[in-house]
Amino acid sequence: MTIENQIRAFAGSFVLISLALAYVHSHYWLWFTTFVGINLLQSAFTKFCPLEIILRKIEKKN
């Protein structure tokens, strides 16, 4: 799986998990969903993604 696909999978998972937590636990979890969305939006324009840096470091170690 490419790093770009891994990032999409992480982002999608985080959004779904935070929506489930907002439904079950507290609506404040929607702030986490907002953070993920803002990070995805800024990375589309700036090409800077913290998760990409982490995944590349993990890939180099293996």
PDB file of N, CA and C in Angstrom:
ATOM      1  N   MET A   1       0.852  -1.169   0.000  1.00  0.00           N
ATOM      2  CA  MET A   1       0.000   0.000   0.000  1.00  0.00           C
ATOM      3  C   MET A   1       0.903   1.240   0.000  1.00  0.00           C
ATOM      4  N   THR A   2       0.570   2.189  -0.842  1.00  0.00           N
ATOM      5  CA  THR A   2       1.386   3.400  -0.914  1.00  0.00           C
ATOM      6  C   THR A   2       1.123   4.280   0.309  1.00  0.00           C
ATOM      7  N   ILE A   3       2.031   5.202   0.554  1.00  0.00           N
ATOM      8  CA  ILE A   3       1.887   6.111   1.695  1.00  0.00           C
ATOM      9  C   ILE A   3       0.631   6.967   1.538  1.00  0.00           C
ATOM     10  N   GLU A   4       0.350   7.395   0.306  1.00  0.00           N
ATOM     11  CA  GLU A   4      -0.847   8.210   0.076  1.00  0.00           C
ATOM     12  C   GLU A   4      -2.120   7.434   0.441  1.00  0.00           C
ATOM     13  N   ASN A   5      -2.154   6.158   0.082  1.00  0.00           N
ATOM     14  CA  ASN A   5      -3.310   5.329   0.437  1.00  0.00           C
ATOM     15  C   ASN A   5      -3.388   5.092   1.941  1.00  0.00           C
ATOM     16  N   GLN A   6      -2.247   4.948   2.591  1.00  0.00           N
ATOM     17  CA  GLN A   6      -2.229   4.782   4.039  1.00  0.00           C
ATOM     18  C   GLN A   6      -2.773   6.028   4.725  1.00  0.00           C
ATOM     19  N   ILE A   7      -2.401   7.198   4.221  1.00  0.00           N
ATOM     20  CA  ILE A   7      -2.890   8.447   4.801  1.00  0.00           C
ATOM     21  C   ILE A   7      -4.400   8.543   4.653  1.00  0.00           C
ATOM     22  N   ARG A   8      -4.918   8.198   3.473  1.00  0.00           N
ATOM     23  CA  ARG A   8      -6.367   8.226   3.258  1.00  0.00           C
ATOM     24  C   ARG A   8      -7.079   7.244   4.184  1.00  0.00           C
ATOM     25  N   ALA A   9      -6.485   6.067   4.372  1.00  0.00           N
ATOM     26  CA  ALA A   9      -7.087   5.074   5.262  1.00  0.00           C
ATOM     27  C   ALA A   9      -7.101   5.564   6.711  1.00  0.00           C
ATOM     28  N   PHE A  10      -5.995   6.161   7.164  1.00  0.00           N
ATOM     29  CA  PHE A  10      -5.936   6.719   8.513  1.00  0.00           C
ATOM     30  C   PHE A  10      -6.981   7.815   8.691  1.00  0.00           C
ATOM     31  N   ALA A  11      -7.021   8.737   7.743  1.00  0.00           N
ATOM     32  CA  ALA A  11      -7.955   9.868   7.843  1.00  0.00           C
ATOM     33  C   ALA A  11      -9.395   9.378   7.860  1.00  0.00           C
ATOM     34  N   GLY A  12      -9.723   8.482   6.969  1.00  0.00           N
ATOM     35  CA  GLY A  12     -11.076   7.942   6.935  1.00  0.00           C
ATOM     36  C   GLY A  12     -11.437   7.213   8.216  1.00  0.00           C
ATOM     37  N   SER A  13     -10.497   6.443   8.730  1.00  0.00           N
ATOM     38  CA  SER A  13     -10.730   5.722   9.988  1.00  0.00           C
ATOM     39  C   SER A  13     -10.932   6.688  11.145  1.00  0.00           C
ATOM     40  N   PHE A  14     -10.090   7.723  11.213  1.00  0.00           N
ATOM     41  CA  PHE A  14     -10.225   8.699  12.295  1.00  0.00           C
ATOM     42  C   PHE A  14     -11.556   9.437  12.233  1.00  0.00           C
ATOM     43  N   VAL A  15     -11.995   9.776  11.039  1.00  0.00           N
ATOM     44  CA  VAL A  15     -13.281  10.460  10.904  1.00  0.00           C
ATOM     45  C   VAL A  15     -14.415   9.551  11.368  1.00  0.00           C
ATOM     46  N   LEU A  16     -14.415   8.311  10.924  1.00  0.00           N
ATOM     47  CA  LEU A  16     -15.481   7.384  11.312  1.00  0.00           C
ATOM     48  C   LEU A  16     -15.465   7.082  12.811  1.00  0.00           C
ATOM     49  N   ILE A  17     -14.280   6.909  13.374  1.00  0.00           N
ATOM     50  CA  ILE A  17     -14.169   6.646  14.811  1.00  0.00           C
ATOM     51  C   ILE A  17     -14.658   7.836  15.621  1.00  0.00           C
ATOM     52  N   SER A  18     -14.259   9.037  15.213  1.00  0.00           N
ATOM     53  CA  SER A  18     -14.676  10.217  15.973  1.00  0.00           C
ATOM     54  C   SER A  18     -16.177  10.459  15.831  1.00  0.00           C
ATOM     55  N   LEU A  19     -16.752  10.161  14.680  1.00  0.00           N
ATOM     56  CA  LEU A  19     -18.206  10.283  14.537  1.00  0.00           C
ATOM     57  C   LEU A  19     -18.932   9.283  15.442  1.00  0.00           C
ATOM     58  N   ALA A  20     -18.409   8.065  15.517  1.00  0.00           N
ATOM     59  CA  ALA A  20     -19.009   7.069  16.403  1.00  0.00           C
ATOM     60  C   ALA A  20     -18.887   7.499  17.866  1.00  0.00           C
ATOM     61  N   LEU A  21     -17.728   8.036  18.240  1.00  0.00           N
ATOM     62  CA  LEU A  21     -17.544   8.505  19.613  1.00  0.00           C
ATOM     63  C   LEU A  21     -18.448   9.699  19.922  1.00  0.00           C
ATOM     64  N   ALA A  22     -18.659  10.561  18.950  1.00  0.00           N
ATOM     65  CA  ALA A  22     -19.559  11.703  19.141  1.00  0.00           C
ATOM     66  C   ALA A  22     -20.986  11.213  19.354  1.00  0.00           C
ATOM     67  N   TYR A  23     -21.373  10.182  18.652  1.00  0.00           N
ATOM     68  CA  TYR A  23     -22.720   9.639  18.785  1.00  0.00           C
ATOM     69  C   TYR A  23     -22.902   8.930  20.121  1.00  0.00           C
ATOM     70  N   VAL A  24     -21.891   8.152  20.530  1.00  0.00           N
ATOM     71  CA  VAL A  24     -21.998   7.326  21.735  1.00  0.00           C
ATOM     72  C   VAL A  24     -21.609   8.079  23.002  1.00  0.00           C
ATOM     73  N   HIS A  25     -20.577   8.885  22.940  1.00  0.00           N
ATOM     74  CA  HIS A  25     -19.992   9.449  24.156  1.00  0.00           C
ATOM     75  C   HIS A  25     -20.287  10.931  24.344  1.00  0.00           C
ATOM     76  N   SER A  26     -19.735  11.773  23.470  1.00  0.00           N
ATOM     77  CA  SER A  26     -19.857  13.217  23.637  1.00  0.00           C
ATOM     78  C   SER A  26     -19.731  13.913  22.287  1.00  0.00           C
ATOM     79  N   HIS A  27     -20.515  14.948  22.092  1.00  0.00           N
ATOM     80  CA  HIS A  27     -20.453  15.678  20.826  1.00  0.00           C
ATOM     81  C   HIS A  27     -19.133  16.434  20.660  1.00  0.00           C
ATOM     82  N   TYR A  28     -18.359  16.557  21.718  1.00  0.00           N
ATOM     83  CA  TYR A  28     -17.056  17.224  21.622  1.00  0.00           C
ATOM     84  C   TYR A  28     -16.068  16.464  20.746  1.00  0.00           C
ATOM     85  N   TRP A  29     -16.326  15.195  20.489  1.00  0.00           N
ATOM     86  CA  TRP A  29     -15.470  14.431  19.589  1.00  0.00           C
ATOM     87  C   TRP A  29     -15.535  14.962  18.158  1.00  0.00           C
ATOM     88  N   LEU A  30     -16.558  15.751  17.841  1.00  0.00           N
ATOM     89  CA  LEU A  30     -16.647  16.343  16.509  1.00  0.00           C
ATOM     90  C   LEU A  30     -15.515  17.339  16.259  1.00  0.00           C
ATOM     91  N   TRP A  31     -14.928  17.875  17.324  1.00  0.00           N
ATOM     92  CA  TRP A  31     -13.761  18.740  17.161  1.00  0.00           C
ATOM     93  C   TRP A  31     -12.589  17.965  16.577  1.00  0.00           C
ATOM     94  N   PHE A  32     -12.470  16.700  16.931  1.00  0.00           N
ATOM     95  CA  PHE A  32     -11.414  15.855  16.357  1.00  0.00           C
ATOM     96  C   PHE A  32     -11.661  15.647  14.866  1.00  0.00           C
ATOM     97  N   THR A  33     -12.920  15.427  14.498  1.00  0.00           N
ATOM     98  CA  THR A  33     -13.279  15.303  13.086  1.00  0.00           C
ATOM     99  C   THR A  33     -12.922  16.580  12.336  1.00  0.00           C
ATOM    100  N   THR A  34     -13.195  17.720  12.957  1.00  0.00           N
ATOM    101  CA  THR A  34     -12.859  19.012  12.356  1.00  0.00           C
ATOM    102  C   THR A  34     -11.356  19.139  12.161  1.00  0.00           C
ATOM    103  N   PHE A  35     -10.577  18.739  13.146  1.00  0.00           N
ATOM    104  CA  PHE A  35      -9.122  18.795  13.047  1.00  0.00           C
ATOM    105  C   PHE A  35      -8.616  17.945  11.884  1.00  0.00           C
ATOM    106  N   VAL A  36      -9.146  16.741  11.740  1.00  0.00           N
ATOM    107  CA  VAL A  36      -8.723  15.863  10.647  1.00  0.00           C
ATOM    108  C   VAL A  36      -9.062  16.507   9.299  1.00  0.00           C
ATOM    109  N   GLY A  37     -10.248  17.068   9.180  1.00  0.00           N
ATOM    110  CA  GLY A  37     -10.644  17.709   7.936  1.00  0.00           C
ATOM    111  C   GLY A  37      -9.783  18.908   7.594  1.00  0.00           C
ATOM    112  N   ILE A  38      -9.497  19.739   8.579  1.00  0.00           N
ATOM    113  CA  ILE A  38      -8.639  20.909   8.346  1.00  0.00           C
ATOM    114  C   ILE A  38      -7.235  20.475   7.950  1.00  0.00           C
ATOM    115  N   ASN A  39      -6.708  19.442   8.594  1.00  0.00           N
ATOM    116  CA  ASN A  39      -5.375  18.946   8.260  1.00  0.00           C
ATOM    117  C   ASN A  39      -5.344  18.406   6.830  1.00  0.00           C
ATOM    118  N   LEU A  40      -6.383  17.697   6.419  1.00  0.00           N
ATOM    119  CA  LEU A  40      -6.443  17.195   5.045  1.00  0.00           C
ATOM    120  C   LEU A  40      -6.500  18.345   4.041  1.00  0.00           C
ATOM    121  N   LEU A  41      -7.282  19.351   4.355  1.00  0.00           N
ATOM    122  CA  LEU A  41      -7.418  20.495   3.464  1.00  0.00           C
ATOM    123  C   LEU A  41      -6.107  21.270   3.324  1.00  0.00           C
ATOM    124  N   GLN A  42      -5.444  21.543   4.449  1.00  0.00           N
ATOM    125  CA  GLN A  42      -4.185  22.289   4.358  1.00  0.00           C
ATOM    126  C   GLN A  42      -3.104  21.470   3.671  1.00  0.00           C
ATOM    127  N   SER A  43      -3.102  20.148   3.856  1.00  0.00           N
ATOM    128  CA  SER A  43      -2.067  19.332   3.214  1.00  0.00           C
ATOM    129  C   SER A  43      -2.267  19.272   1.696  1.00  0.00           C
ATOM    130  N   ALA A  44      -3.504  19.447   1.240  1.00  0.00           N
ATOM    131  CA  ALA A  44      -3.750  19.471  -0.202  1.00  0.00           C
ATOM    132  C   ALA A  44      -3.091  20.687  -0.852  1.00  0.00           C
ATOM    133  N   PHE A  45      -3.020  21.793  -0.115  1.00  0.00           N
ATOM    134  CA  PHE A  45      -2.449  23.016  -0.662  1.00  0.00           C
ATOM    135  C   PHE A  45      -0.965  23.176  -0.357  1.00  0.00           C
ATOM    136  N   THR A  46      -0.536  22.742   0.823  1.00  0.00           N
ATOM    137  CA  THR A  46       0.849  22.967   1.234  1.00  0.00           C
ATOM    138  C   THR A  46       1.756  21.762   0.999  1.00  0.00           C
ATOM    139  N   LYS A  47       1.171  20.620   0.754  1.00  0.00           N
ATOM    140  CA  LYS A  47       1.924  19.359   0.595  1.00  0.00           C
ATOM    141  C   LYS A  47       2.665  18.968   1.875  1.00  0.00           C
ATOM    142  N   PHE A  48       2.246  19.508   3.017  1.00  0.00           N
ATOM    143  CA  PHE A  48       2.843  19.158   4.307  1.00  0.00           C
ATOM    144  C   PHE A  48       1.844  18.322   5.104  1.00  0.00           C
ATOM    145  N   CYS A  49       2.254  17.111   5.442  1.00  0.00           N
ATOM    146  CA  CYS A  49       1.389  16.212   6.207  1.00  0.00           C
ATOM    147  C   CYS A  49       2.240  15.512   7.277  1.00  0.00           C
ATOM    148  N   PRO A  50       1.970  15.776   8.551  1.00  0.00           N
ATOM    149  CA  PRO A  50       2.748  15.148   9.619  1.00  0.00           C
ATOM    150  C   PRO A  50       2.708  13.616   9.574  1.00  0.00           C
ATOM    151  N   LEU A  51       1.564  13.045   9.226  1.00  0.00           N
ATOM    152  CA  LEU A  51       1.467  11.584   9.157  1.00  0.00           C
ATOM    153  C   LEU A  51       2.384  11.029   8.071  1.00  0.00           C
ATOM    154  N   GLU A  52       2.527  11.734   6.973  1.00  0.00           N
ATOM    155  CA  GLU A  52       3.416  11.290   5.903  1.00  0.00           C
ATOM    156  C   GLU A  52       4.865  11.227   6.395  1.00  0.00           C
ATOM    157  N   ILE A  53       5.273  12.205   7.176  1.00  0.00           N
ATOM    158  CA  ILE A  53       6.631  12.213   7.736  1.00  0.00           C
ATOM    159  C   ILE A  53       6.838  11.001   8.637  1.00  0.00           C
ATOM    160  N   ILE A  54       5.856  10.716   9.480  1.00  0.00           N
ATOM    161  CA  ILE A  54       5.942   9.572  10.396  1.00  0.00           C
ATOM    162  C   ILE A  54       6.007   8.263   9.622  1.00  0.00           C
ATOM    163  N   LEU A  55       5.137   8.117   8.612  1.00  0.00           N
ATOM    164  CA  LEU A  55       5.112   6.872   7.837  1.00  0.00           C
ATOM    165  C   LEU A  55       6.399   6.670   7.048  1.00  0.00           C
ATOM    166  N   ARG A  56       6.982   7.741   6.540  1.00  0.00           N
ATOM    167  CA  ARG A  56       8.257   7.609   5.808  1.00  0.00           C
ATOM    168  C   ARG A  56       9.389   7.181   6.741  1.00  0.00           C
ATOM    169  N   LYS A  57       9.397   7.684   7.985  1.00  0.00           N
ATOM    170  CA  LYS A  57      10.419   7.272   8.951  1.00  0.00           C
ATOM    171  C   LYS A  57      10.252   5.802   9.324  1.00  0.00           C
ATOM    172  N   ILE A  58       9.013   5.372   9.471  1.00  0.00           N
ATOM    173  CA  ILE A  58       8.755   3.952   9.776  1.00  0.00           C
ATOM    174  C   ILE A  58       9.193   3.083   8.604  1.00  0.00           C
ATOM    175  N   GLU A  59       8.916   3.550   7.399  1.00  0.00           N
ATOM    176  CA  GLU A  59       9.289   2.784   6.201  1.00  0.00           C
ATOM    177  C   GLU A  59      10.796   2.625   6.075  1.00  0.00           C
ATOM    178  N   LYS A  60      11.548   3.670   6.450  1.00  0.00           N
ATOM    179  CA  LYS A  60      13.013   3.593   6.366  1.00  0.00           C
ATOM    180  C   LYS A  60      13.579   2.608   7.367  1.00  0.00           C
ATOM    181  N   LYS A  61      12.945   2.475   8.529  1.00  0.00           N
ATOM    182  CA  LYS A  61      13.441   1.555   9.552  1.00  0.00           C
ATOM    183  C   LYS A  61      13.240   0.110   9.149  1.00  0.00           C
ATOM    184  N   ASN A  62      12.211  -0.156   8.343  1.00  0.00           N
ATOM    185  CA  ASN A  62      11.911  -1.545   7.942  1.00  0.00           C
ATOM    186  C   ASN A  62      12.597  -1.876   6.695  1.00  0.00           C
TER     187      ASN A  62
END
